[in-house]
C-alpha atoms as a PDB file:
ATOM      1  CA  MET A   1      14.817 -17.894  -5.260  1.00  0.00           C
ATOM      2  CA  GLY A   2      14.538 -19.605  -1.983  1.00  0.00           C
ATOM      3  CA  ASN A   3      12.634 -19.924   1.220  1.00  0.00           C
ATOM      4  CA  SER A   4      15.354 -19.165   3.739  1.00  0.00           C
ATOM      5  CA  LEU A   5      14.685 -16.476   6.300  1.00  0.00           C
ATOM      6  CA  THR A   6      18.309 -15.376   5.824  1.00  0.00           C
ATOM      7  CA  GLU A   7      17.250 -13.940   2.444  1.00  0.00           C
ATOM      8  CA  LEU A   8      15.092 -11.416   4.320  1.00  0.00           C
ATOM      9  CA  ALA A   9      16.269  -7.977   5.414  1.00  0.00           C
ATOM     10  CA  SER A  10      17.377  -7.823   9.048  1.00  0.00           C
ATOM     11  CA  TYR A  11      14.239  -5.852   9.989  1.00  0.00           C
ATOM     12  CA  VAL A  12      11.919  -8.368   8.239  1.00  0.00           C
ATOM     13  CA  GLU A  13      13.463 -11.642   9.412  1.00  0.00           C
ATOM     14  CA  PRO A  14      12.300 -11.240  13.048  1.00  0.00           C
ATOM     15  CA  LEU A  15       8.779 -10.434  11.816  1.00  0.00           C
ATOM     16  CA  ALA A  16       8.726 -13.618   9.720  1.00  0.00           C
ATOM     17  CA  THR A  17      10.033 -15.623  12.678  1.00  0.00           C
ATOM     18  CA  GLN A  18       7.317 -14.165  14.920  1.00  0.00           C
ATOM     19  CA  PHE A  19       4.704 -14.807  12.215  1.00  0.00           C
ATOM     20  CA  LEU A  20       5.651 -18.498  12.182  1.00  0.00           C
ATOM     21  CA  ALA A  21       5.504 -18.695  15.981  1.00  0.00           C
ATOM     22  CA  ASP A  22       2.183 -16.858  16.215  1.00  0.00           C
ATOM     23  CA  SER A  23       0.641 -18.952  13.434  1.00  0.00           C
ATOM     24  CA  ALA A  24       1.693 -22.166  15.168  1.00  0.00           C
ATOM     25  CA  ALA A  25       0.315 -20.859  18.476  1.00  0.00           C
ATOM     26  CA  ALA A  26      -3.005 -20.198  16.704  1.00  0.00           C
ATOM     27  CA  ASP A  27      -3.086 -23.839  15.514  1.00  0.00           C
ATOM     28  CA  VAL A  28      -2.295 -22.863  11.928  1.00  0.00           C
ATOM     29  CA  PRO A  29       1.359 -23.840  11.498  1.00  0.00           C
ATOM     30  CA  CYS A  30       2.720 -22.318   8.314  1.00  0.00           C
ATOM     31  CA  VAL A  31       5.547 -22.987   5.900  1.00  0.00           C
ATOM     32  CA  ILE A  32       7.576 -20.239   4.263  1.00  0.00           C
ATOM     33  CA  ILE A  33       7.281 -20.871   0.540  1.00  0.00           C
ATOM     34  CA  ASP A  34       9.286 -18.011  -0.936  1.00  0.00           C
ATOM     35  CA  THR A  35      11.561 -15.226   0.298  1.00  0.00           C
ATOM     36  CA  GLY A  36      14.149 -13.647  -1.989  1.00  0.00           C
ATOM     37  CA  ARG A  37      14.103 -13.490  -5.785  1.00  0.00           C
ATOM     38  CA  THR A  38      16.440 -12.170  -8.419  1.00  0.00           C
ATOM     39  CA  PRO A  39      14.932  -9.914 -11.094  1.00  0.00           C
ATOM     40  CA  ALA A  40      15.156 -12.859 -13.533  1.00  0.00           C
ATOM     41  CA  GLU A  41      13.288 -15.105 -11.089  1.00  0.00           C
ATOM     42  CA  GLN A  42      10.637 -12.407 -10.719  1.00  0.00           C
ATOM     43  CA  GLN A  43      10.188 -12.396 -14.503  1.00  0.00           C
ATOM     44  CA  VAL A  44       9.564 -16.155 -14.366  1.00  0.00           C
ATOM     45  CA  LYS A  45       6.923 -15.626 -11.645  1.00  0.00           C
ATOM     46  CA  LEU A  46       5.257 -13.013 -13.854  1.00  0.00           C
ATOM     47  CA  SER A  47       5.248 -15.336 -16.860  1.00  0.00           C
ATOM     48  CA  GLU A  48       3.765 -18.142 -14.715  1.00  0.00           C
ATOM     49  CA  GLY A  49       0.969 -15.824 -13.590  1.00  0.00           C
ATOM     50  CA  VAL A  50       1.787 -16.146  -9.885  1.00  0.00           C
ATOM     51  CA  SER A  51       3.092 -12.595  -9.488  1.00  0.00           C
ATOM     52  CA  TRP A  52       1.567  -9.392 -10.769  1.00  0.00           C
ATOM     53  CA  THR A  53       4.237  -6.727 -10.416  1.00  0.00           C
ATOM     54  CA  THR A  54       7.592  -5.818 -11.881  1.00  0.00           C
ATOM     55  CA  HIS A  55       8.507  -4.147  -8.575  1.00  0.00           C
ATOM     56  CA  SER A  56       8.243  -7.056  -6.150  1.00  0.00           C
ATOM     57  CA  LYS A  57       9.517  -6.655  -2.604  1.00  0.00           C
ATOM     58  CA  HIS A  58      10.819 -10.222  -2.983  1.00  0.00           C
ATOM     59  CA  GLU A  59      13.595  -8.679  -5.089  1.00  0.00           C
ATOM     60  CA  PRO A  60      16.591  -7.065  -3.357  1.00  0.00           C
ATOM     61  CA  GLN A  61      15.538  -3.842  -1.612  1.00  0.00           C
ATOM     62  CA  PRO A  62      17.714  -1.043  -0.262  1.00  0.00           C
ATOM     63  CA  PRO A  63      19.400  -0.453   2.090  1.00  0.00           C
ATOM     64  CA  GLU A  64      20.488  -4.088   2.668  1.00  0.00           C
ATOM     65  CA  TRP A  65      19.654  -5.413  -0.809  1.00  0.00           C
ATOM     66  CA  LYS A  66      17.634  -8.262   0.633  1.00  0.00           C
ATOM     67  CA  SER A  67      13.971  -9.236   0.366  1.00  0.00           C
ATOM     68  CA  GLU A  68      11.296  -7.344   2.264  1.00  0.00           C
ATOM     69  CA  ALA A  69       8.633  -9.980   1.490  1.00  0.00           C
ATOM     70  CA  PHE A  70       7.805 -13.607   2.088  1.00  0.00           C
ATOM     71  CA  ASP A  71       5.094 -15.999   0.993  1.00  0.00           C
ATOM     72  CA  ALA A  72       3.653 -18.424   3.522  1.00  0.00           C
ATOM     73  CA  CYS A  73       1.051 -21.174   3.425  1.00  0.00           C
ATOM     74  CA  PRO A  74      -0.750 -23.048   6.187  1.00  0.00           C
ATOM     75  CA  GLN A  75       0.777 -26.543   6.219  1.00  0.00           C
ATOM     76  CA  VAL A  76      -2.622 -28.202   6.082  1.00  0.00           C
ATOM     77  CA  LEU A  77      -3.434 -26.446   2.775  1.00  0.00           C
ATOM     78  CA  LEU A  78      -0.257 -27.461   0.937  1.00  0.00           C
ATOM     79  CA  ALA A  79      -1.793 -30.748  -0.238  1.00  0.00           C
ATOM     80  CA  THR A  80      -5.062 -29.167  -1.397  1.00  0.00           C
ATOM     81  CA  LYS A  81      -5.931 -27.955  -4.887  1.00  0.00           C
ATOM     82  CA  LEU A  82      -4.487 -24.456  -5.393  1.00  0.00           C
ATOM     83  CA  TRP A  83      -3.981 -24.318  -1.604  1.00  0.00           C
ATOM     84  CA  SER A  84      -7.753 -23.912  -1.088  1.00  0.00           C
ATOM     85  CA  PRO A  85      -8.011 -20.176  -1.831  1.00  0.00           C
ATOM     86  CA  GLY A  86     -11.426 -19.952  -0.124  1.00  0.00           C
ATOM     87  CA  SER A  87     -10.222 -21.406   3.160  1.00  0.00           C
ATOM     88  CA  PRO A  88     -10.824 -19.269   6.272  1.00  0.00           C
ATOM     89  CA  LEU A  89      -7.253 -20.099   7.316  1.00  0.00           C
ATOM     90  CA  TRP A  90      -5.992 -17.432   4.902  1.00  0.00           C
ATOM     91  CA  LEU A  91      -7.809 -14.699   6.796  1.00  0.00           C
ATOM     92  CA  LYS A  92      -6.570 -16.141  10.073  1.00  0.00           C
ATOM     93  CA  ILE A  93      -2.913 -15.966   9.034  1.00  0.00           C
ATOM     94  CA  GLY A  94      -3.509 -12.636   7.280  1.00  0.00           C
ATOM     95  CA  LEU A  95      -4.683 -11.119  10.542  1.00  0.00           C
ATOM     96  CA  ILE A  96      -1.634 -12.560  12.293  1.00  0.00           C
ATOM     97  CA  GLY A  97       0.674 -10.912   9.759  1.00  0.00           C
ATOM     98  CA  GLU A  98      -1.181  -7.609  10.009  1.00  0.00           C
ATOM     99  CA  SER A  99      -0.941  -7.720  13.817  1.00  0.00           C
ATOM    100  CA  LEU A 100       2.842  -7.705  13.334  1.00  0.00           C
ATOM    101  CA  GLY A 101       2.652  -4.616  11.116  1.00  0.00           C
ATOM    102  CA  LEU A 102       3.061  -6.500   7.838  1.00  0.00           C
ATOM    103  CA  GLU A 103       1.087  -5.679   4.722  1.00  0.00           C
ATOM    104  CA  TRP A 104      -0.983  -8.686   3.691  1.00  0.00           C
ATOM    105  CA  GLY A 105      -1.550  -9.400   0.007  1.00  0.00           C
ATOM    106  CA  GLY A 106      -4.920 -10.959   0.799  1.00  0.00           C
ATOM    107  CA  ARG A 107      -6.314  -7.415   1.103  1.00  0.00           C
ATOM    108  CA  TRP A 108      -5.305  -6.471  -2.418  1.00  0.00           C
ATOM    109  CA  THR A 109      -8.258  -6.240  -4.781  1.00  0.00           C
ATOM    110  CA  HIS A 110      -6.325  -4.807  -7.735  1.00  0.00           C
ATOM    111  CA  ILE A 111      -4.694  -8.132  -8.700  1.00  0.00           C
ATOM    112  CA  ASN A 112      -5.629 -11.738  -9.399  1.00  0.00           C
ATOM    113  CA  ASN A 113      -9.175 -10.864 -10.492  1.00  0.00           C
ATOM    114  CA  GLY A 114      -9.851  -9.204  -7.138  1.00  0.00           C
ATOM    115  CA  ARG A 115      -8.720 -12.216  -5.104  1.00  0.00           C
ATOM    116  CA  GLY A 116      -5.432 -10.681  -3.998  1.00  0.00           C
ATOM    117  CA  ASP A 117      -2.406 -12.725  -3.003  1.00  0.00           C
ATOM    118  CA  PRO A 118      -3.252 -14.316   0.362  1.00  0.00           C
ATOM    119  CA  SER A 119       0.117 -16.038   0.811  1.00  0.00           C
ATOM    120  CA  HIS A 120       2.060 -12.767   0.473  1.00  0.00           C
ATOM    121  CA  PHE A 121       3.350 -10.664   3.361  1.00  0.00           C
ATOM    122  CA  GLN A 122       5.625  -7.665   3.034  1.00  0.00           C
ATOM    123  CA  TYR A 123       7.301  -5.036   5.128  1.00  0.00           C
ATOM    124  CA  LYS A 124       5.392  -1.809   5.468  1.00  0.00           C
ATOM    125  CA  LYS A 125       7.518   1.226   6.160  1.00  0.00           C
ATOM    126  CA  VAL A 126       6.227   3.256   9.079  1.00  0.00           C
ATOM    127  CA  ILE A 127       6.273   6.975   8.381  1.00  0.00           C
ATOM    128  CA  SER A 128       6.575   9.047  11.511  1.00  0.00           C
END
């Protein structure tokens, strides 16, 4: 488990890089908290209650067997209790991620008692 962009699939890494640049340009500089995970590391996240799926895109995904997901947090929220889940900054960075074609976990109502996972961004395959 790490936070290096090199753990991301080649088609996700440029999106994460652009996300960081766009967030900074919007005056919400972010930090990448988590990128790739092994299946064992995912089990730990499940047991800690900070992940809700056994099929996380943080785990190696075909065809490159790298992560298709990253977790990010606005730098200003890192020192706050639970990263201030009610902060409007989450929506701001969520919209930035969505503008890049990423799926944003902050929209998910089926996990975390309907609060979603606002730090989570993952690759969304485009079906043509």
